[in-house]
């Protein structure tokens, strides 16, 4: 009987163990899709993403034009609690960590995937030539939400 109790207790304790941290080698999951991505030479679309997973993560940005054609597919690594700024072209208002170099993009879309759902992102289109970010926020549609959260 003691052996059976020990096995049950062991199985219970293993089930209570903390989940393994996510990391750059984990499979990617779609976390956002952002419609209305624009880059016309004077206006750029800027994305800010922060990782709060507790581990380094890979974030993938896949942009497409309004006909569905692929314009960029990049996947930088982001550290825990790091915020990265990614844009379709260089802007004066932000110091970008990565440029997507999409070229002219009108009514495009960008899918953002990551190796953890514990990443949050925002998106906006701004005048790329001004020091103050003048523009509009884009509605990023969230997929795979963090349990108990609301965006």
N, C-alpha and C. Protein backbone atom coordinates (compact mmCIF):
# COMPACT_ATOMS: atom_id res chain seq x y z
N UNK A 1 0.83 -1.20 0.00
CA UNK A 1 0.00 0.00 0.00
C UNK A 1 0.87 1.26 0.00
N UNK A 2 1.96 1.20 0.77
CA UNK A 2 2.84 2.36 0.84
C UNK A 2 3.44 2.67 -0.53
N UNK A 3 3.77 1.63 -1.29
CA UNK A 3 4.33 1.82 -2.63
C UNK A 3 3.32 2.53 -3.51
N UNK A 4 2.05 2.11 -3.45
CA UNK A 4 1.01 2.74 -4.25
C UNK A 4 0.85 4.21 -3.86
N UNK A 5 0.84 4.50 -2.56
CA UNK A 5 0.72 5.89 -2.10
C UNK A 5 1.90 6.72 -2.59
N UNK A 6 3.09 6.14 -2.55
CA UNK A 6 4.28 6.86 -3.01
C UNK A 6 4.19 7.17 -4.51
N UNK A 7 3.71 6.20 -5.31
CA UNK A 7 3.55 6.43 -6.74
C UNK A 7 2.53 7.52 -7.02
N UNK A 8 1.42 7.51 -6.30
CA UNK A 8 0.40 8.54 -6.49
C UNK A 8 0.94 9.90 -6.09
N UNK A 9 1.65 9.98 -4.96
CA UNK A 9 2.23 11.24 -4.51
C UNK A 9 3.28 11.73 -5.50
N UNK A 10 4.11 10.84 -6.03
CA UNK A 10 5.13 11.23 -7.00
C UNK A 10 4.50 11.78 -8.27
N UNK A 11 3.47 11.10 -8.75
CA UNK A 11 2.78 11.56 -9.96
C UNK A 11 2.14 12.92 -9.72
N UNK A 12 1.56 13.12 -8.56
CA UNK A 12 0.94 14.39 -8.23
C UNK A 12 1.98 15.51 -8.19
N UNK A 13 3.11 15.25 -7.55
CA UNK A 13 4.17 16.27 -7.44
C UNK A 13 4.76 16.59 -8.80
N UNK A 14 4.89 15.61 -9.66
CA UNK A 14 5.41 15.88 -11.01
C UNK A 14 4.44 16.76 -11.78
N UNK A 15 3.16 16.54 -11.57
CA UNK A 15 2.15 17.36 -12.23
C UNK A 15 2.14 18.79 -11.71
N UNK A 16 2.60 18.98 -10.49
CA UNK A 16 2.63 20.31 -9.89
C UNK A 16 3.90 21.08 -10.24
N UNK A 17 4.86 20.45 -10.89
CA UNK A 17 6.11 21.12 -11.23
C UNK A 17 5.83 22.29 -12.16
N UNK A 18 6.65 23.31 -12.06
CA UNK A 18 6.50 24.49 -12.91
C UNK A 18 6.73 24.10 -14.36
N UNK A 19 5.99 24.72 -15.29
CA UNK A 19 6.19 24.40 -16.69
C UNK A 19 7.56 24.87 -17.15
N UNK A 20 8.10 24.19 -18.13
CA UNK A 20 9.41 24.58 -18.67
C UNK A 20 9.29 25.94 -19.35
N UNK A 21 10.33 26.73 -19.23
CA UNK A 21 10.35 28.04 -19.88
C UNK A 21 10.40 27.88 -21.39
N UNK A 22 9.74 28.79 -22.05
CA UNK A 22 9.79 28.80 -23.50
C UNK A 22 11.16 29.30 -23.94
N UNK A 23 11.47 29.13 -25.18
CA UNK A 23 12.76 29.59 -25.66
C UNK A 23 12.80 29.64 -27.17
N UNK A 24 13.93 30.09 -27.71
CA UNK A 24 14.05 30.30 -29.14
C UNK A 24 13.94 29.02 -29.96
N UNK A 25 14.08 27.86 -29.34
CA UNK A 25 13.96 26.60 -30.08
C UNK A 25 12.55 26.03 -30.05
N UNK A 26 11.66 26.64 -29.29
CA UNK A 26 10.28 26.17 -29.25
C UNK A 26 9.56 26.51 -30.55
N UNK A 27 8.48 25.81 -30.87
CA UNK A 27 7.73 26.13 -32.10
C UNK A 27 7.09 27.52 -32.01
N UNK A 28 7.01 28.17 -33.14
CA UNK A 28 6.37 29.49 -33.18
C UNK A 28 4.86 29.35 -33.20
N UNK A 29 4.20 30.32 -32.59
CA UNK A 29 2.74 30.37 -32.59
C UNK A 29 2.34 31.79 -33.02
N UNK A 30 1.31 31.88 -33.85
CA UNK A 30 0.83 33.18 -34.30
C UNK A 30 0.24 33.93 -33.11
N UNK A 31 0.72 35.16 -32.87
CA UNK A 31 0.17 35.93 -31.76
C UNK A 31 -0.59 37.17 -32.22
N UNK A 32 -0.24 37.74 -33.39
CA UNK A 32 -0.96 38.93 -33.90
C UNK A 32 -1.04 38.89 -35.41
N UNK A 33 -2.07 39.54 -35.92
CA UNK A 33 -2.14 39.90 -37.33
C UNK A 33 -2.55 41.37 -37.35
N UNK A 34 -1.78 42.16 -38.10
CA UNK A 34 -2.00 43.60 -38.16
C UNK A 34 -2.35 44.00 -39.59
N UNK A 35 -3.61 44.36 -39.84
CA UNK A 35 -3.98 44.85 -41.18
C UNK A 35 -3.72 46.36 -41.27
N UNK A 36 -3.66 46.86 -42.49
CA UNK A 36 -3.49 48.29 -42.71
C UNK A 36 -2.04 48.75 -42.66
N UNK A 37 -1.10 47.83 -42.85
CA UNK A 37 0.31 48.19 -42.84
C UNK A 37 0.60 49.06 -44.06
N UNK A 38 1.29 50.18 -43.83
CA UNK A 38 1.54 51.17 -44.87
C UNK A 38 2.99 51.61 -44.86
N UNK A 39 3.57 51.68 -46.03
CA UNK A 39 4.88 52.30 -46.23
C UNK A 39 4.86 52.88 -47.63
N UNK A 40 4.77 54.20 -47.71
CA UNK A 40 4.71 54.85 -49.03
C UNK A 40 5.88 55.79 -49.27
N UNK A 41 6.93 55.64 -48.50
CA UNK A 41 8.10 56.50 -48.64
C UNK A 41 8.14 57.59 -47.60
N UNK A 42 6.98 58.13 -47.24
CA UNK A 42 6.92 59.17 -46.22
C UNK A 42 6.29 58.67 -44.93
N UNK A 43 5.47 57.65 -45.04
CA UNK A 43 4.80 57.05 -43.89
C UNK A 43 5.37 55.65 -43.70
N UNK A 44 5.59 55.29 -42.44
CA UNK A 44 6.09 53.95 -42.11
C UNK A 44 5.18 53.32 -41.07
N UNK A 45 5.19 52.01 -41.01
CA UNK A 45 4.49 51.29 -39.96
C UNK A 45 5.54 50.80 -38.96
N UNK A 46 5.28 51.07 -37.68
CA UNK A 46 6.21 50.73 -36.61
C UNK A 46 5.55 49.73 -35.66
N UNK A 47 6.30 48.71 -35.27
CA UNK A 47 5.84 47.70 -34.32
C UNK A 47 6.74 47.75 -33.10
N UNK A 48 6.15 47.71 -31.92
CA UNK A 48 6.89 47.60 -30.66
C UNK A 48 6.45 46.29 -30.01
N UNK A 49 7.41 45.44 -29.63
CA UNK A 49 7.08 44.17 -28.98
C UNK A 49 7.94 44.00 -27.73
N UNK A 50 7.32 43.53 -26.65
CA UNK A 50 8.00 43.27 -25.38
C UNK A 50 7.80 41.81 -25.00
N UNK A 51 8.88 41.19 -24.56
CA UNK A 51 8.89 39.80 -24.14
C UNK A 51 8.84 39.75 -22.61
N UNK A 52 7.85 39.07 -22.05
CA UNK A 52 7.79 38.89 -20.60
C UNK A 52 7.68 37.41 -20.24
N UNK A 53 8.32 36.55 -21.04
CA UNK A 53 8.21 35.11 -20.84
C UNK A 53 9.19 34.55 -19.82
N UNK A 54 10.26 35.29 -19.53
CA UNK A 54 11.28 34.78 -18.63
C UNK A 54 12.44 34.11 -19.35
N UNK A 55 12.39 34.07 -20.68
CA UNK A 55 13.46 33.45 -21.48
C UNK A 55 13.61 34.23 -22.78
N UNK A 56 14.73 34.03 -23.46
CA UNK A 56 14.89 34.60 -24.79
C UNK A 56 13.86 33.96 -25.71
N UNK A 57 13.28 34.76 -26.60
CA UNK A 57 12.28 34.28 -27.54
C UNK A 57 12.61 34.76 -28.94
N UNK A 58 12.07 34.06 -29.92
CA UNK A 58 12.18 34.48 -31.31
C UNK A 58 10.83 35.07 -31.71
N UNK A 59 10.85 36.22 -32.35
CA UNK A 59 9.62 36.85 -32.85
C UNK A 59 9.75 36.97 -34.36
N UNK A 60 8.75 36.48 -35.08
CA UNK A 60 8.78 36.51 -36.54
C UNK A 60 7.78 37.54 -37.07
N UNK A 61 8.24 38.35 -38.01
CA UNK A 61 7.41 39.35 -38.69
C UNK A 61 7.32 38.95 -40.16
N UNK A 62 6.10 38.66 -40.61
CA UNK A 62 5.86 38.29 -42.00
C UNK A 62 4.89 39.30 -42.59
N UNK A 63 5.38 40.12 -43.53
CA UNK A 63 4.55 41.15 -44.14
C UNK A 63 4.17 40.75 -45.55
N UNK A 64 2.96 41.12 -45.93
CA UNK A 64 2.44 40.83 -47.27
C UNK A 64 1.77 42.07 -47.83
N UNK A 65 1.81 42.22 -49.15
CA UNK A 65 1.13 43.34 -49.79
C UNK A 65 -0.36 43.05 -49.90
N UNK A 66 -1.11 44.00 -50.45
CA UNK A 66 -2.57 43.84 -50.49
C UNK A 66 -3.02 42.71 -51.40
N UNK A 67 -2.15 42.22 -52.25
CA UNK A 67 -2.48 41.07 -53.10
C UNK A 67 -2.05 39.74 -52.48
N UNK A 68 -1.44 39.79 -51.28
CA UNK A 68 -1.01 38.58 -50.59
C UNK A 68 0.44 38.21 -50.85
N UNK A 69 1.13 39.00 -51.67
CA UNK A 69 2.53 38.69 -51.98
C UNK A 69 3.45 38.96 -50.80
N UNK A 70 4.38 38.07 -50.55
CA UNK A 70 5.32 38.19 -49.45
C UNK A 70 6.30 39.33 -49.69
N UNK A 71 6.45 40.24 -48.70
CA UNK A 71 7.42 41.33 -48.81
C UNK A 71 8.57 41.19 -47.84
N UNK A 72 8.34 40.55 -46.70
CA UNK A 72 9.42 40.32 -45.74
C UNK A 72 9.07 39.19 -44.79
N UNK A 73 10.12 38.51 -44.31
CA UNK A 73 9.96 37.42 -43.34
C UNK A 73 11.25 37.38 -42.52
N UNK A 74 11.22 37.97 -41.33
CA UNK A 74 12.41 38.03 -40.47
C UNK A 74 12.04 37.58 -39.07
N UNK A 75 13.05 37.05 -38.34
CA UNK A 75 12.78 36.50 -37.00
C UNK A 75 13.92 36.83 -36.05
N UNK A 76 13.92 38.04 -35.46
CA UNK A 76 14.95 38.37 -34.48
C UNK A 76 14.69 37.69 -33.14
N UNK A 77 15.73 37.62 -32.32
CA UNK A 77 15.60 37.10 -30.96
C UNK A 77 15.47 38.27 -30.01
N UNK A 78 14.62 38.12 -28.99
CA UNK A 78 14.38 39.18 -28.01
C UNK A 78 14.56 38.60 -26.61
N UNK A 79 15.27 39.31 -25.77
CA UNK A 79 15.53 38.87 -24.40
C UNK A 79 14.32 39.13 -23.50
N UNK A 80 14.30 38.49 -22.35
CA UNK A 80 13.25 38.69 -21.35
C UNK A 80 13.19 40.17 -20.95
N UNK A 81 12.00 40.72 -20.96
CA UNK A 81 11.69 42.12 -20.63
C UNK A 81 12.28 43.13 -21.59
N UNK A 82 12.82 42.69 -22.70
CA UNK A 82 13.32 43.60 -23.73
C UNK A 82 12.17 44.03 -24.61
N UNK A 83 12.22 45.28 -25.06
CA UNK A 83 11.29 45.79 -26.05
C UNK A 83 12.08 46.06 -27.32
N UNK A 84 11.57 45.56 -28.44
CA UNK A 84 12.22 45.87 -29.71
C UNK A 84 11.28 46.72 -30.55
N UNK A 85 11.89 47.53 -31.38
CA UNK A 85 11.15 48.38 -32.31
C UNK A 85 11.53 47.93 -33.72
N UNK A 86 10.51 47.59 -34.49
CA UNK A 86 10.69 47.09 -35.85
C UNK A 86 9.80 47.94 -36.74
N UNK A 87 10.32 48.39 -37.88
CA UNK A 87 9.50 49.22 -38.76
C UNK A 87 9.74 48.87 -40.22
N UNK A 88 8.81 49.31 -41.04
CA UNK A 88 8.91 49.04 -42.47
C UNK A 88 10.02 49.85 -43.12
N UNK A 89 10.43 50.93 -42.49
CA UNK A 89 11.56 51.76 -42.94
C UNK A 89 12.06 52.55 -41.75
N UNK A 90 13.24 53.11 -41.83
CA UNK A 90 13.77 53.93 -40.74
C UNK A 90 12.88 55.14 -40.50
N UNK A 91 12.74 55.50 -39.23
CA UNK A 91 11.98 56.70 -38.85
C UNK A 91 12.87 57.59 -38.01
N UNK A 92 12.52 58.86 -37.93
CA UNK A 92 13.25 59.80 -37.10
C UNK A 92 12.79 59.68 -35.64
N UNK A 93 11.53 59.36 -35.42
CA UNK A 93 10.97 59.32 -34.07
C UNK A 93 11.49 58.16 -33.23
N UNK A 94 11.83 57.04 -33.86
CA UNK A 94 12.25 55.85 -33.11
C UNK A 94 13.61 55.37 -33.59
N UNK A 95 14.32 54.73 -32.68
CA UNK A 95 15.56 54.05 -33.03
C UNK A 95 15.22 52.57 -33.24
N UNK A 96 15.08 52.18 -34.47
CA UNK A 96 14.65 50.83 -34.79
C UNK A 96 15.75 49.81 -34.48
N UNK A 97 15.31 48.67 -33.96
CA UNK A 97 16.22 47.54 -33.76
C UNK A 97 16.33 46.73 -35.05
N UNK A 98 15.30 46.82 -35.89
CA UNK A 98 15.27 46.05 -37.13
C UNK A 98 14.40 46.77 -38.14
N UNK A 99 14.89 46.88 -39.36
CA UNK A 99 14.10 47.43 -40.45
C UNK A 99 13.57 46.29 -41.32
N UNK A 100 12.29 46.31 -41.62
CA UNK A 100 11.70 45.25 -42.44
C UNK A 100 11.99 45.43 -43.92
N UNK A 101 12.29 46.67 -44.34
CA UNK A 101 12.61 46.96 -45.75
C UNK A 101 11.58 46.35 -46.70
N UNK A 102 10.31 46.64 -46.43
CA UNK A 102 9.22 46.08 -47.24
C UNK A 102 9.11 46.75 -48.60
N UNK A 103 9.69 47.94 -48.75
CA UNK A 103 9.43 48.71 -49.95
C UNK A 103 8.04 49.32 -49.84
N UNK A 104 7.52 49.80 -50.94
CA UNK A 104 6.18 50.39 -50.92
C UNK A 104 5.17 49.30 -50.57
N UNK A 105 4.36 49.62 -49.58
CA UNK A 105 3.38 48.67 -49.08
C UNK A 105 2.11 49.44 -48.75
N UNK A 106 1.04 49.18 -49.49
CA UNK A 106 -0.23 49.87 -49.28
C UNK A 106 -1.29 48.82 -48.97
N UNK A 107 -2.01 49.04 -47.88
CA UNK A 107 -3.05 48.10 -47.44
C UNK A 107 -2.48 46.70 -47.25
N UNK A 108 -1.29 46.66 -46.65
CA UNK A 108 -0.63 45.38 -46.39
C UNK A 108 -1.06 44.80 -45.06
N UNK A 109 -0.45 43.69 -44.73
CA UNK A 109 -0.71 43.03 -43.45
C UNK A 109 0.60 42.44 -42.93
N UNK A 110 0.73 42.41 -41.62
CA UNK A 110 1.89 41.77 -41.00
C UNK A 110 1.40 40.78 -39.96
N UNK A 111 1.89 39.56 -40.07
CA UNK A 111 1.62 38.53 -39.06
C UNK A 111 2.83 38.51 -38.13
N UNK A 112 2.56 38.44 -36.83
CA UNK A 112 3.63 38.36 -35.84
C UNK A 112 3.45 37.05 -35.09
N UNK A 113 4.50 36.23 -35.15
CA UNK A 113 4.51 34.95 -34.44
C UNK A 113 5.66 34.98 -33.45
N UNK A 114 5.61 34.16 -32.43
CA UNK A 114 6.69 34.09 -31.45
C UNK A 114 6.77 32.69 -30.88
N UNK A 115 7.88 32.42 -30.22
CA UNK A 115 8.06 31.12 -29.59
C UNK A 115 7.40 31.07 -28.21
N UNK A 116 6.69 32.12 -27.84
CA UNK A 116 5.91 32.16 -26.60
C UNK A 116 4.73 33.09 -26.80
N UNK A 117 3.63 32.80 -26.13
CA UNK A 117 2.48 33.72 -26.16
C UNK A 117 2.72 34.89 -25.21
N UNK A 118 3.77 34.84 -24.40
CA UNK A 118 4.06 35.90 -23.43
C UNK A 118 4.85 37.04 -24.05
N UNK A 119 4.35 37.51 -25.18
CA UNK A 119 4.92 38.64 -25.90
C UNK A 119 3.75 39.55 -26.26
N UNK A 120 3.91 40.84 -26.05
CA UNK A 120 2.86 41.80 -26.43
C UNK A 120 3.43 42.75 -27.47
N UNK A 121 2.57 43.18 -28.40
CA UNK A 121 3.01 44.06 -29.48
C UNK A 121 1.96 45.15 -29.73
N UNK A 122 2.45 46.28 -30.21
CA UNK A 122 1.58 47.34 -30.70
C UNK A 122 2.06 47.72 -32.10
N UNK A 123 1.20 48.42 -32.83
CA UNK A 123 1.55 48.84 -34.19
C UNK A 123 0.95 50.20 -34.46
N UNK A 124 1.65 51.00 -35.27
CA UNK A 124 1.14 52.31 -35.67
C UNK A 124 1.75 52.72 -37.00
N UNK A 125 1.03 53.53 -37.73
CA UNK A 125 1.59 54.16 -38.91
C UNK A 125 1.91 55.60 -38.54
N UNK A 126 3.13 56.04 -38.90
CA UNK A 126 3.55 57.39 -38.53
C UNK A 126 4.25 58.07 -39.70
N UNK A 127 4.34 59.38 -39.62
CA UNK A 127 5.16 60.16 -40.54
C UNK A 127 6.61 59.83 -40.20
N UNK A 128 7.32 59.23 -41.12
CA UNK A 128 8.68 58.76 -40.85
C UNK A 128 9.69 59.89 -40.70
N UNK A 129 9.32 61.11 -41.11
CA UNK A 129 10.29 62.21 -41.12
C UNK A 129 10.24 63.12 -39.90
N UNK A 130 9.33 62.89 -38.97
CA UNK A 130 9.19 63.79 -37.82
C UNK A 130 9.75 63.16 -36.55
N UNK A 131 10.24 64.03 -35.64
CA UNK A 131 10.78 63.53 -34.37
C UNK A 131 9.69 63.11 -33.40
N UNK A 132 8.49 63.66 -33.58
CA UNK A 132 7.33 63.27 -32.77
C UNK A 132 6.51 62.29 -33.61
N UNK A 133 6.15 61.13 -33.05
CA UNK A 133 5.41 60.14 -33.84
C UNK A 133 3.98 60.58 -34.14
N UNK A 134 3.79 61.22 -35.28
CA UNK A 134 2.47 61.69 -35.71
C UNK A 134 1.87 60.61 -36.60
N UNK A 135 0.73 60.05 -36.19
CA UNK A 135 0.12 58.99 -36.98
C UNK A 135 -1.08 58.40 -36.30
N UNK A 136 -1.33 57.15 -36.61
CA UNK A 136 -2.50 56.46 -36.04
C UNK A 136 -2.09 55.08 -35.56
N UNK A 137 -2.74 54.65 -34.49
CA UNK A 137 -2.53 53.29 -33.98
C UNK A 137 -3.30 52.32 -34.86
N UNK A 138 -2.70 51.18 -35.10
CA UNK A 138 -3.37 50.13 -35.87
C UNK A 138 -3.93 49.09 -34.91
N UNK A 139 -5.02 48.50 -35.29
CA UNK A 139 -5.64 47.46 -34.47
C UNK A 139 -4.96 46.13 -34.75
N UNK A 140 -4.16 45.67 -33.81
CA UNK A 140 -3.52 44.36 -33.91
C UNK A 140 -4.49 43.31 -33.38
N UNK A 141 -4.83 42.35 -34.19
CA UNK A 141 -5.76 41.31 -33.80
C UNK A 141 -4.97 40.21 -33.09
N UNK A 142 -5.33 39.93 -31.84
CA UNK A 142 -4.58 38.97 -31.02
C UNK A 142 -5.06 37.55 -31.26
N UNK A 143 -4.11 36.66 -31.48
CA UNK A 143 -4.35 35.22 -31.54
C UNK A 143 -3.62 34.64 -30.33
N UNK A 144 -3.99 33.49 -29.86
CA UNK A 144 -3.31 32.81 -28.76
C UNK A 144 -3.08 33.74 -27.58
N UNK A 145 -4.14 34.25 -26.95
CA UNK A 145 -3.97 35.18 -25.82
C UNK A 145 -3.37 34.51 -24.60
N UNK A 146 -2.77 35.31 -23.75
CA UNK A 146 -2.27 34.82 -22.48
C UNK A 146 -3.49 34.55 -21.61
N UNK A 147 -3.61 33.36 -21.01
CA UNK A 147 -4.79 33.05 -20.19
C UNK A 147 -5.01 34.10 -19.10
N UNK A 148 -6.24 34.55 -18.97
CA UNK A 148 -6.59 35.53 -17.95
C UNK A 148 -6.31 36.97 -18.35
N UNK A 149 -5.84 37.19 -19.58
CA UNK A 149 -5.53 38.55 -20.00
C UNK A 149 -6.61 39.06 -20.96
N UNK A 150 -6.60 40.36 -21.16
CA UNK A 150 -7.51 40.99 -22.09
C UNK A 150 -6.77 42.12 -22.78
N UNK A 151 -6.79 42.15 -24.11
CA UNK A 151 -6.14 43.25 -24.85
C UNK A 151 -7.17 44.05 -25.58
